[in-house]
């Protein structure tokens, strides 16, 4: 499934569209998207659409793939925090 803009690294498929592409349920996709956000690999932003009647409705999320360097930095920071916590617990 290729749907991202290669210049902005953004795309906006629905959970259902992603689920069909990877053969997972909507809830499972949602769980994994949340995990990717927590690991700082992607960011999501809500979007809105205009229905035929003119009313605003929630659209799909806008996904942005973050630079891998940011995700690595976040991972290393968390590893250091865990090591400090373990060292503190061991010293007590």
Foldseek 3Di string as FASTA:
>chain_A
DDAADVVQQKGFDALVVVCVVVVHDSVVSVVVVVVCVVLVQKDWDWDWDADPVGDIDTGTIMIHGDDVVVSVVVVVVVVVVVVVVVVVVVVD
